[in-house]
Amino acid sequence: MTLILDALQFGFFQRALMVGFLLAIIYALLGNFVVLREEAIIGHTMANIVFMGIAIGLLFSWDSFWIMILAALAGVLFIDYLQRSSRFSRDSILALTSQISIAAGIIILSQVEGYQNIEGFLFGNILAVSNSDLWMSLALFVINIIGLFIIRRRLTQLVINKDLAISAGANVDRVNFIFMLLLALTVAAGIKIIGVILLAAFLVIPANTAKNLASSFKQMVVLSVIVSVIGVLAGLLLSYHFDTPSGAMIVLVLGVILILTNIFKRK
């Protein structure tokens, strides 16, 4: 309790905690669909696209937040274009987009003198969360909640039975595009706390933990949110106390929860 009260004295920690809770909820909600669709690679893909955007922003000294958003949106459009115009499988499209993006990001970064400010983007940094980040995260949270509410029925149908959903009139391409768009915005919003390298883990670990314990989809959703919020709270507190990258500590806490629940489930 003393650690919590001590940390809450600082404005940067208060902002990180509020942003973290918003991200925990929306990442958990999106993560359930990612896990059930068996598309864990999508988290890596979007993170690497945003990484390329960060590199571009550093090269030209542009605002990091907006360039991450633009990069994420451009990535979604590129993936959608390949899906509609090529014969590549979805897995192949996500994989090649991911690798091309990180390759481009590395090359661009090599032209940035000193690779300044890159560590916080890669591993997360609670000191980097500003008031504007908090407001933008809140706005993206609202957008995601509204977007998921609109497509929730069709998206759930596609997860459970794609053929049945199509026969019921679901527009697969449209639903997938909206879902990718929501995911892209969420990934961009989470960079400063989680970091590029660990974003995919933050997306899928709470959902997988909940899947291991839940007996229904509703239980899975609720449990994933609870696990995600606990992971953020404990991870940020430990990160503050031990002066470690916030993203790494959050994912480590989530990993411990996953292992413990798996042991408990077996018993």
C-alpha atoms as a PDB file:
ATOM      1  CA  MET A   1       0.000   0.000   0.000  1.00  0.00           C
ATOM      2  CA  THR A   2       2.880   2.361   0.804  1.00  0.00           C
ATOM      3  CA  LEU A   3       4.322   1.739  -2.657  1.00  0.00           C
ATOM      4  CA  ILE A   4       0.988   2.632  -4.287  1.00  0.00           C
ATOM      5  CA  LEU A   5       0.582   5.839  -2.270  1.00  0.00           C
ATOM      6  CA  ASP A   6       4.179   6.831  -2.923  1.00  0.00           C
ATOM      7  CA  ALA A   7       3.836   6.305  -6.683  1.00  0.00           C
ATOM      8  CA  LEU A   8       0.508   8.139  -6.885  1.00  0.00           C
ATOM      9  CA  GLN A   9       2.156  11.321  -5.611  1.00  0.00           C
ATOM     10  CA  PHE A  10       3.688  11.823  -9.032  1.00  0.00           C
ATOM     11  CA  GLY A  11       1.701  13.158 -11.966  1.00  0.00           C
ATOM     12  CA  PHE A  12       3.527  11.014 -14.518  1.00  0.00           C
ATOM     13  CA  PHE A  13       2.525   7.848 -12.660  1.00  0.00           C
ATOM     14  CA  GLN A  14      -1.092   8.961 -12.368  1.00  0.00           C
ATOM     15  CA  ARG A  15      -1.184   9.566 -16.121  1.00  0.00           C
ATOM     16  CA  ALA A  16       0.531   6.250 -16.861  1.00  0.00           C
ATOM     17  CA  LEU A  17      -1.945   4.416 -14.635  1.00  0.00           C
ATOM     18  CA  MET A  18      -4.997   6.012 -16.258  1.00  0.00           C
ATOM     19  CA  VAL A  19      -3.695   5.378 -19.773  1.00  0.00           C
ATOM     20  CA  GLY A  20      -2.688   1.872 -18.734  1.00  0.00           C
ATOM     21  CA  PHE A  21      -6.161   1.035 -17.448  1.00  0.00           C
ATOM     22  CA  LEU A  22      -7.802   2.335 -20.620  1.00  0.00           C
ATOM     23  CA  LEU A  23      -5.417   0.288 -22.744  1.00  0.00           C
ATOM     24  CA  ALA A  24      -5.822  -2.779 -20.524  1.00  0.00           C
ATOM     25  CA  ILE A  25      -9.563  -2.847 -21.132  1.00  0.00           C
ATOM     26  CA  ILE A  26      -9.467  -2.312 -24.878  1.00  0.00           C
ATOM     27  CA  TYR A  27      -6.481  -4.612 -25.453  1.00  0.00           C
ATOM     28  CA  ALA A  28      -8.276  -7.360 -23.528  1.00  0.00           C
ATOM     29  CA  LEU A  29     -11.471  -6.914 -25.554  1.00  0.00           C
ATOM     30  CA  LEU A  30      -9.645  -6.961 -28.884  1.00  0.00           C
ATOM     31  CA  GLY A  31      -7.315  -9.715 -27.707  1.00  0.00           C
ATOM     32  CA  ASN A  32     -10.200 -12.124 -27.201  1.00  0.00           C
ATOM     33  CA  PHE A  33     -11.081 -11.944 -30.877  1.00  0.00           C
ATOM     34  CA  VAL A  34      -7.423 -12.141 -31.916  1.00  0.00           C
ATOM     35  CA  VAL A  35      -6.951 -15.330 -29.882  1.00  0.00           C
ATOM     36  CA  LEU A  36     -10.194 -16.962 -30.990  1.00  0.00           C
ATOM     37  CA  ARG A  37      -9.404 -16.135 -34.627  1.00  0.00           C
ATOM     38  CA  GLU A  38      -5.942 -17.680 -34.083  1.00  0.00           C
ATOM     39  CA  GLU A  39      -4.242 -14.565 -35.452  1.00  0.00           C
ATOM     40  CA  ALA A  40      -1.633 -13.821 -32.796  1.00  0.00           C
ATOM     41  CA  ILE A  41       0.706 -12.687 -35.572  1.00  0.00           C
ATOM     42  CA  ILE A  42      -1.507  -9.667 -36.188  1.00  0.00           C
ATOM     43  CA  GLY A  43      -0.169  -8.022 -33.030  1.00  0.00           C
ATOM     44  CA  HIS A  44       3.422  -8.347 -34.250  1.00  0.00           C
ATOM     45  CA  THR A  45       2.414  -7.028 -37.668  1.00  0.00           C
ATOM     46  CA  MET A  46       0.754  -3.875 -36.357  1.00  0.00           C
ATOM     47  CA  ALA A  47       3.571  -3.265 -33.865  1.00  0.00           C
ATOM     48  CA  ASN A  48       6.204  -3.491 -36.616  1.00  0.00           C
ATOM     49  CA  ILE A  49       4.205  -1.141 -38.831  1.00  0.00           C
ATOM     50  CA  VAL A  50       4.090   1.378 -35.990  1.00  0.00           C
ATOM     51  CA  PHE A  51       7.830   0.839 -35.439  1.00  0.00           C
ATOM     52  CA  MET A  52       8.417   1.937 -39.029  1.00  0.00           C
ATOM     53  CA  GLY A  53       6.263   4.994 -38.352  1.00  0.00           C
ATOM     54  CA  ILE A  54       8.333   5.832 -35.276  1.00  0.00           C
ATOM     55  CA  ALA A  55      11.511   5.623 -37.360  1.00  0.00           C
ATOM     56  CA  ILE A  56      10.044   7.997 -39.952  1.00  0.00           C
ATOM     57  CA  GLY A  57       8.990  10.406 -37.206  1.00  0.00           C
ATOM     58  CA  LEU A  58      12.462  10.394 -35.656  1.00  0.00           C
ATOM     59  CA  LEU A  59      14.117  10.918 -39.032  1.00  0.00           C
ATOM     60  CA  PHE A  60      12.049  14.001 -39.842  1.00  0.00           C
ATOM     61  CA  SER A  61      11.491  15.141 -36.218  1.00  0.00           C
ATOM     62  CA  TRP A  62       7.719  14.807 -36.549  1.00  0.00           C
ATOM     63  CA  ASP A  63       5.268  14.343 -33.680  1.00  0.00           C
ATOM     64  CA  SER A  64       5.566  10.704 -32.665  1.00  0.00           C
ATOM     65  CA  PHE A  65       1.923  10.137 -31.722  1.00  0.00           C
ATOM     66  CA  TRP A  66       0.409  11.297 -34.985  1.00  0.00           C
ATOM     67  CA  ILE A  67       2.994   9.577 -37.154  1.00  0.00           C
ATOM     68  CA  MET A  68       2.270   6.315 -35.303  1.00  0.00           C
ATOM     69  CA  ILE A  69      -1.444   6.742 -35.973  1.00  0.00           C
ATOM     70  CA  LEU A  70      -0.844   7.516 -39.652  1.00  0.00           C
ATOM     71  CA  ALA A  71       1.534   4.573 -40.029  1.00  0.00           C
ATOM     72  CA  ALA A  72      -0.975   2.217 -38.418  1.00  0.00           C
ATOM     73  CA  LEU A  73      -3.779   3.435 -40.689  1.00  0.00           C
ATOM     74  CA  ALA A  74      -1.539   3.147 -43.764  1.00  0.00           C
ATOM     75  CA  GLY A  75      -0.662  -0.394 -42.696  1.00  0.00           C
ATOM     76  CA  VAL A  76      -4.323  -1.378 -42.449  1.00  0.00           C
ATOM     77  CA  LEU A  77      -5.005   0.024 -45.914  1.00  0.00           C
ATOM     78  CA  PHE A  78      -1.989  -1.822 -47.327  1.00  0.00           C
ATOM     79  CA  ILE A  79      -3.068  -5.137 -45.796  1.00  0.00           C
ATOM     80  CA  ASP A  80      -6.626  -4.621 -47.025  1.00  0.00           C
ATOM     81  CA  TYR A  81      -5.326  -3.852 -50.523  1.00  0.00           C
ATOM     82  CA  LEU A  82      -3.252  -7.051 -50.627  1.00  0.00           C
ATOM     83  CA  GLN A  83      -6.169  -9.123 -49.411  1.00  0.00           C
ATOM     84  CA  ARG A  84      -8.410  -7.796 -52.143  1.00  0.00           C
ATOM     85  CA  SER A  85      -5.906  -7.741 -55.024  1.00  0.00           C
ATOM     86  CA  SER A  86      -3.642 -10.763 -54.480  1.00  0.00           C
ATOM     87  CA  ARG A  87      -3.834 -14.508 -54.022  1.00  0.00           C
ATOM     88  CA  PHE A  88      -1.756 -14.469 -50.859  1.00  0.00           C
ATOM     89  CA  SER A  89      -3.215 -16.073 -47.738  1.00  0.00           C
ATOM     90  CA  ARG A  90      -4.049 -13.786 -44.819  1.00  0.00           C
ATOM     91  CA  ASP A  91      -1.229 -15.263 -42.734  1.00  0.00           C
ATOM     92  CA  SER A  92       1.249 -14.615 -45.533  1.00  0.00           C
ATOM     93  CA  ILE A  93       0.063 -11.037 -45.944  1.00  0.00           C
ATOM     94  CA  LEU A  94       0.407 -10.325 -42.225  1.00  0.00           C
ATOM     95  CA  ALA A  95       3.848 -11.968 -42.080  1.00  0.00           C
ATOM     96  CA  LEU A  96       5.305 -10.218 -45.122  1.00  0.00           C
ATOM     97  CA  THR A  97       3.882  -6.851 -44.063  1.00  0.00           C
ATOM     98  CA  SER A  98       5.409  -7.326 -40.627  1.00  0.00           C
ATOM     99  CA  GLN A  99       8.870  -8.171 -41.933  1.00  0.00           C
ATOM    100  CA  ILE A 100       8.892  -5.481 -44.616  1.00  0.00           C
ATOM    101  CA  SER A 101       7.874  -2.882 -42.026  1.00  0.00           C
ATOM    102  CA  ILE A 102      10.561  -3.793 -39.517  1.00  0.00           C
ATOM    103  CA  ALA A 103      13.194  -3.965 -42.254  1.00  0.00           C
ATOM    104  CA  ALA A 104      12.218  -0.501 -43.467  1.00  0.00           C
ATOM    105  CA  GLY A 105      12.202   0.791 -39.890  1.00  0.00           C
ATOM    106  CA  ILE A 106      15.712  -0.501 -39.229  1.00  0.00           C
ATOM    107  CA  ILE A 107      17.041   1.075 -42.407  1.00  0.00           C
ATOM    108  CA  ILE A 108      15.390   4.409 -41.625  1.00  0.00           C
ATOM    109  CA  LEU A 109      16.686   4.333 -38.045  1.00  0.00           C
ATOM    110  CA  SER A 110      20.214   3.778 -39.321  1.00  0.00           C
ATOM    111  CA  GLN A 111      19.965   7.272 -40.794  1.00  0.00           C
ATOM    112  CA  VAL A 112      18.911   8.818 -37.483  1.00  0.00           C
ATOM    113  CA  GLU A 113      21.895  10.151 -35.570  1.00  0.00           C
ATOM    114  CA  GLY A 114      22.252   8.430 -32.212  1.00  0.00           C
ATOM    115  CA  TYR A 115      18.898   6.610 -32.477  1.00  0.00           C
ATOM    116  CA  GLN A 116      17.603   9.202 -30.025  1.00  0.00           C
ATOM    117  CA  ASN A 117      14.564   8.420 -27.862  1.00  0.00           C
ATOM    118  CA  ILE A 118      14.170   4.953 -29.354  1.00  0.00           C
ATOM    119  CA  GLU A 119      14.514   2.861 -26.176  1.00  0.00           C
ATOM    120  CA  GLY A 120      11.286   4.172 -24.670  1.00  0.00           C
ATOM    121  CA  PHE A 121       9.380   3.305 -27.836  1.00  0.00           C
ATOM    122  CA  LEU A 122      10.802  -0.214 -27.897  1.00  0.00           C
ATOM    123  CA  PHE A 123      10.317  -1.177 -24.242  1.00  0.00           C
ATOM    124  CA  GLY A 124       7.849   1.333 -22.827  1.00  0.00           C
ATOM    125  CA  ASN A 125       8.497   4.318 -20.563  1.00  0.00           C
ATOM    126  CA  ILE A 126       5.946   5.607 -18.035  1.00  0.00           C
ATOM    127  CA  LEU A 127       7.805   8.942 -17.875  1.00  0.00           C
ATOM    128  CA  ALA A 128       6.914   9.540 -21.534  1.00  0.00           C
ATOM    129  CA  VAL A 129       3.145   9.674 -20.944  1.00  0.00           C
ATOM    130  CA  SER A 130       1.913  13.261 -21.210  1.00  0.00           C
ATOM    131  CA  ASN A 131      -1.460  14.901 -20.643  1.00  0.00           C
ATOM    132  CA  SER A 132      -2.087  14.940 -24.379  1.00  0.00           C
ATOM    133  CA  ASP A 133      -1.376  11.190 -24.498  1.00  0.00           C
ATOM    134  CA  LEU A 134      -3.990  10.677 -21.801  1.00  0.00           C
ATOM    135  CA  TRP A 135      -6.658  12.608 -23.687  1.00  0.00           C
ATOM    136  CA  MET A 136      -5.837  10.925 -26.969  1.00  0.00           C
ATOM    137  CA  SER A 137      -5.941   7.505 -25.298  1.00  0.00           C
ATOM    138  CA  LEU A 138      -9.345   8.358 -23.859  1.00  0.00           C
ATOM    139  CA  ALA A 139     -10.589   9.400 -27.299  1.00  0.00           C
ATOM    140  CA  LEU A 140      -9.262   6.198 -28.889  1.00  0.00           C
ATOM    141  CA  PHE A 141     -10.819   4.178 -26.070  1.00  0.00           C
ATOM    142  CA  VAL A 142     -14.235   5.669 -26.832  1.00  0.00           C
ATOM    143  CA  ILE A 143     -13.769   5.077 -30.569  1.00  0.00           C
ATOM    144  CA  ASN A 144     -12.823   1.442 -29.942  1.00  0.00           C
ATOM    145  CA  ILE A 145     -15.753   0.796 -27.617  1.00  0.00           C
ATOM    146  CA  ILE A 146     -18.192   2.284 -30.142  1.00  0.00           C
ATOM    147  CA  GLY A 147     -16.580   0.399 -33.028  1.00  0.00           C
ATOM    148  CA  LEU A 148     -16.631  -2.938 -31.207  1.00  0.00           C
ATOM    149  CA  PHE A 149     -20.242  -2.370 -30.192  1.00  0.00           C
ATOM    150  CA  ILE A 150     -21.205  -1.801 -33.817  1.00  0.00           C
ATOM    151  CA  ILE A 151     -19.493  -4.937 -35.188  1.00  0.00           C
ATOM    152  CA  ARG A 152     -19.736  -7.135 -32.092  1.00  0.00           C
ATOM    153  CA  ARG A 153     -22.461  -9.430 -33.430  1.00  0.00           C
ATOM    154  CA  ARG A 154     -20.920  -9.993 -36.859  1.00  0.00           C
ATOM    155  CA  LEU A 155     -17.422 -10.307 -35.432  1.00  0.00           C
ATOM    156  CA  THR A 156     -18.583 -12.909 -32.921  1.00  0.00           C
ATOM    157  CA  GLN A 157     -20.372 -14.810 -35.668  1.00  0.00           C
ATOM    158  CA  LEU A 158     -17.214 -14.844 -37.788  1.00  0.00           C
ATOM    159  CA  VAL A 159     -15.194 -16.169 -34.861  1.00  0.00           C
ATOM    160  CA  ILE A 160     -17.676 -18.942 -34.067  1.00  0.00           C
ATOM    161  CA  ASN A 161     -18.593 -20.024 -37.597  1.00  0.00           C
ATOM    162  CA  LYS A 162     -17.422 -18.054 -40.618  1.00  0.00           C
ATOM    163  CA  ASP A 163     -19.566 -19.926 -43.148  1.00  0.00           C
ATOM    164  CA  LEU A 164     -22.682 -19.492 -41.047  1.00  0.00           C
ATOM    165  CA  ALA A 165     -21.923 -15.801 -40.603  1.00  0.00           C
ATOM    166  CA  ILE A 166     -21.556 -15.323 -44.363  1.00  0.00           C
ATOM    167  CA  SER A 167     -24.828 -17.120 -45.010  1.00  0.00           C
ATOM    168  CA  ALA A 168     -26.433 -14.801 -42.455  1.00  0.00           C
ATOM    169  CA  GLY A 169     -25.297 -11.794 -44.503  1.00  0.00           C
ATOM    170  CA  ALA A 170     -22.054 -10.793 -42.774  1.00  0.00           C
ATOM    171  CA  ASN A 171     -19.707  -8.713 -44.915  1.00  0.00           C
ATOM    172  CA  VAL A 172     -16.430 -10.407 -44.005  1.00  0.00           C
ATOM    173  CA  ASP A 173     -14.171  -7.848 -45.666  1.00  0.00           C
ATOM    174  CA  ARG A 174     -15.904  -4.920 -43.996  1.00  0.00           C
ATOM    175  CA  VAL A 175     -15.887  -6.493 -40.540  1.00  0.00           C
ATOM    176  CA  ASN A 176     -12.219  -7.472 -40.873  1.00  0.00           C
ATOM    177  CA  PHE A 177     -11.290  -3.979 -42.049  1.00  0.00           C
ATOM    178  CA  ILE A 178     -13.050  -2.286 -39.116  1.00  0.00           C
ATOM    179  CA  PHE A 179     -11.479  -4.730 -36.672  1.00  0.00           C
ATOM    180  CA  MET A 180      -8.016  -4.105 -38.126  1.00  0.00           C
ATOM    181  CA  LEU A 181      -8.606  -0.366 -37.959  1.00  0.00           C
ATOM    182  CA  LEU A 182      -9.572  -0.516 -34.281  1.00  0.00           C
ATOM    183  CA  LEU A 183      -6.574  -2.715 -33.550  1.00  0.00           C
ATOM    184  CA  ALA A 184      -4.221  -0.352 -35.375  1.00  0.00           C
ATOM    185  CA  LEU A 185      -5.388   2.648 -33.353  1.00  0.00           C
ATOM    186  CA  THR A 186      -5.042   0.687 -30.120  1.00  0.00           C
ATOM    187  CA  VAL A 187      -1.525  -0.489 -30.946  1.00  0.00           C
ATOM    188  CA  ALA A 188      -0.418   3.062 -31.703  1.00  0.00           C
ATOM    189  CA  ALA A 189      -1.883   4.282 -28.406  1.00  0.00           C
ATOM    190  CA  GLY A 190      -0.051   1.621 -26.397  1.00  0.00           C
ATOM    191  CA  ILE A 191       3.473   2.209 -27.635  1.00  0.00           C
ATOM    192  CA  LYS A 192       4.626   4.603 -24.889  1.00  0.00           C
ATOM    193  CA  ILE A 193       3.647   2.300 -22.024  1.00  0.00           C
ATOM    194  CA  ILE A 194       4.106  -1.193 -23.488  1.00  0.00           C
ATOM    195  CA  GLY A 195       6.681  -0.635 -26.226  1.00  0.00           C
ATOM    196  CA  VAL A 196       6.830  -2.017 -29.745  1.00  0.00           C
ATOM    197  CA  ILE A 197       8.559  -5.287 -28.900  1.00  0.00           C
ATOM    198  CA  LEU A 198       6.057  -6.441 -26.268  1.00  0.00           C
ATOM    199  CA  LEU A 199       2.758  -5.171 -27.665  1.00  0.00           C
ATOM    200  CA  ALA A 200       1.731  -8.513 -29.162  1.00  0.00           C
ATOM    201  CA  ALA A 201       2.198 -10.220 -25.796  1.00  0.00           C
ATOM    202  CA  PHE A 202       0.032  -7.616 -24.045  1.00  0.00           C
ATOM    203  CA  LEU A 203      -2.642  -8.298 -26.648  1.00  0.00           C
ATOM    204  CA  VAL A 204      -2.798 -12.094 -26.358  1.00  0.00           C
ATOM    205  CA  ILE A 205      -1.671 -13.106 -22.842  1.00  0.00           C
ATOM    206  CA  PRO A 206      -4.769 -11.834 -20.951  1.00  0.00           C
ATOM    207  CA  ALA A 207      -7.096 -13.434 -23.512  1.00  0.00           C
ATOM    208  CA  ASN A 208      -5.233 -16.758 -23.393  1.00  0.00           C
ATOM    209  CA  THR A 209      -5.250 -16.694 -19.597  1.00  0.00           C
ATOM    210  CA  ALA A 210      -8.989 -16.074 -19.593  1.00  0.00           C
ATOM    211  CA  LYS A 211      -9.570 -18.748 -22.248  1.00  0.00           C
ATOM    212  CA  ASN A 212      -7.843 -21.267 -19.990  1.00  0.00           C
ATOM    213  CA  LEU A 213     -10.242 -20.482 -17.121  1.00  0.00           C
ATOM    214  CA  ALA A 214     -13.536 -19.484 -18.738  1.00  0.00           C
ATOM    215  CA  SER A 215     -16.421 -21.782 -19.612  1.00  0.00           C
ATOM    216  CA  SER A 216     -18.125 -19.292 -21.930  1.00  0.00           C
ATOM    217  CA  PHE A 217     -17.241 -16.384 -24.199  1.00  0.00           C
ATOM    218  CA  LYS A 218     -18.739 -13.853 -21.776  1.00  0.00           C
ATOM    219  CA  GLN A 219     -16.623 -15.233 -18.943  1.00  0.00           C
ATOM    220  CA  MET A 220     -13.573 -15.064 -21.174  1.00  0.00           C
ATOM    221  CA  VAL A 221     -14.204 -11.384 -21.911  1.00  0.00           C
ATOM    222  CA  VAL A 222     -14.687 -10.450 -18.250  1.00  0.00           C
ATOM    223  CA  LEU A 223     -11.704 -12.483 -17.020  1.00  0.00           C
ATOM    224  CA  SER A 224      -9.399 -11.112 -19.724  1.00  0.00           C
ATOM    225  CA  VAL A 225     -10.203  -7.538 -18.678  1.00  0.00           C
ATOM    226  CA  ILE A 226      -9.588  -8.358 -14.999  1.00  0.00           C
ATOM    227  CA  VAL A 227      -6.262 -10.063 -15.773  1.00  0.00           C
ATOM    228  CA  SER A 228      -5.176  -7.199 -18.035  1.00  0.00           C
ATOM    229  CA  VAL A 229      -5.998  -4.515 -15.442  1.00  0.00           C
ATOM    230  CA  ILE A 230      -4.177  -6.441 -12.684  1.00  0.00           C
ATOM    231  CA  GLY A 231      -1.165  -6.860 -14.986  1.00  0.00           C
ATOM    232  CA  VAL A 232      -1.021  -3.137 -15.726  1.00  0.00           C
ATOM    233  CA  LEU A 233      -1.406  -2.085 -12.090  1.00  0.00           C
ATOM    234  CA  ALA A 234       1.169  -4.529 -10.744  1.00  0.00           C
ATOM    235  CA  GLY A 235       3.510  -4.012 -13.691  1.00  0.00           C
ATOM    236  CA  LEU A 236       3.536  -0.231 -13.432  1.00  0.00           C
ATOM    237  CA  LEU A 237       4.079  -0.333  -9.655  1.00  0.00           C
ATOM    238  CA  LEU A 238       6.971  -2.770  -9.973  1.00  0.00           C
ATOM    239  CA  SER A 239       8.396  -0.793 -12.885  1.00  0.00           C
ATOM    240  CA  TYR A 240       8.322   2.361 -10.749  1.00  0.00           C
ATOM    241  CA  HIS A 241       9.835   0.606  -7.730  1.00  0.00           C
ATOM    242  CA  PHE A 242      12.659  -1.207  -9.530  1.00  0.00           C
ATOM    243  CA  ASP A 243      13.190   1.445 -12.251  1.00  0.00           C
ATOM    244  CA  THR A 244      12.646  -0.989 -15.137  1.00  0.00           C
ATOM    245  CA  PRO A 245      10.947  -0.580 -18.541  1.00  0.00           C
ATOM    246  CA  SER A 246       7.194  -0.526 -17.925  1.00  0.00           C
ATOM    247  CA  GLY A 247       6.242  -2.703 -20.891  1.00  0.00           C
ATOM    248  CA  ALA A 248       8.612  -5.493 -19.907  1.00  0.00           C
ATOM    249  CA  MET A 249       7.375  -5.539 -16.317  1.00  0.00           C
ATOM    250  CA  ILE A 250       3.699  -5.553 -17.335  1.00  0.00           C
ATOM    251  CA  VAL A 251       4.216  -8.468 -19.709  1.00  0.00           C
ATOM    252  CA  LEU A 252       6.306 -10.325 -17.112  1.00  0.00           C
ATOM    253  CA  VAL A 253       3.500  -9.980 -14.550  1.00  0.00           C
ATOM    254  CA  LEU A 254       0.958 -11.167 -17.122  1.00  0.00           C
ATOM    255  CA  GLY A 255       3.209 -14.110 -17.960  1.00  0.00           C
ATOM    256  CA  VAL A 256       3.418 -15.121 -14.288  1.00  0.00           C
ATOM    257  CA  ILE A 257      -0.385 -14.914 -14.010  1.00  0.00           C
ATOM    258  CA  LEU A 258      -0.737 -17.105 -17.109  1.00  0.00           C
ATOM    259  CA  ILE A 259       1.627 -19.749 -15.713  1.00  0.00           C
ATOM    260  CA  LEU A 260      -0.003 -19.756 -12.272  1.00  0.00           C
ATOM    261  CA  THR A 261      -3.522 -20.046 -13.672  1.00  0.00           C
ATOM    262  CA  ASN A 262      -2.418 -22.884 -15.913  1.00  0.00           C
ATOM    263  CA  ILE A 263      -0.996 -24.746 -12.898  1.00  0.00           C
ATOM    264  CA  PHE A 264      -4.152 -24.024 -10.905  1.00  0.00           C
ATOM    265  CA  LYS A 265      -6.351 -25.206 -13.785  1.00  0.00           C
ATOM    266  CA  ARG A 266      -4.527 -28.544 -13.996  1.00  0.00           C
ATOM    267  CA  LYS A 267      -5.070 -29.157 -10.289  1.00  0.00           C
END
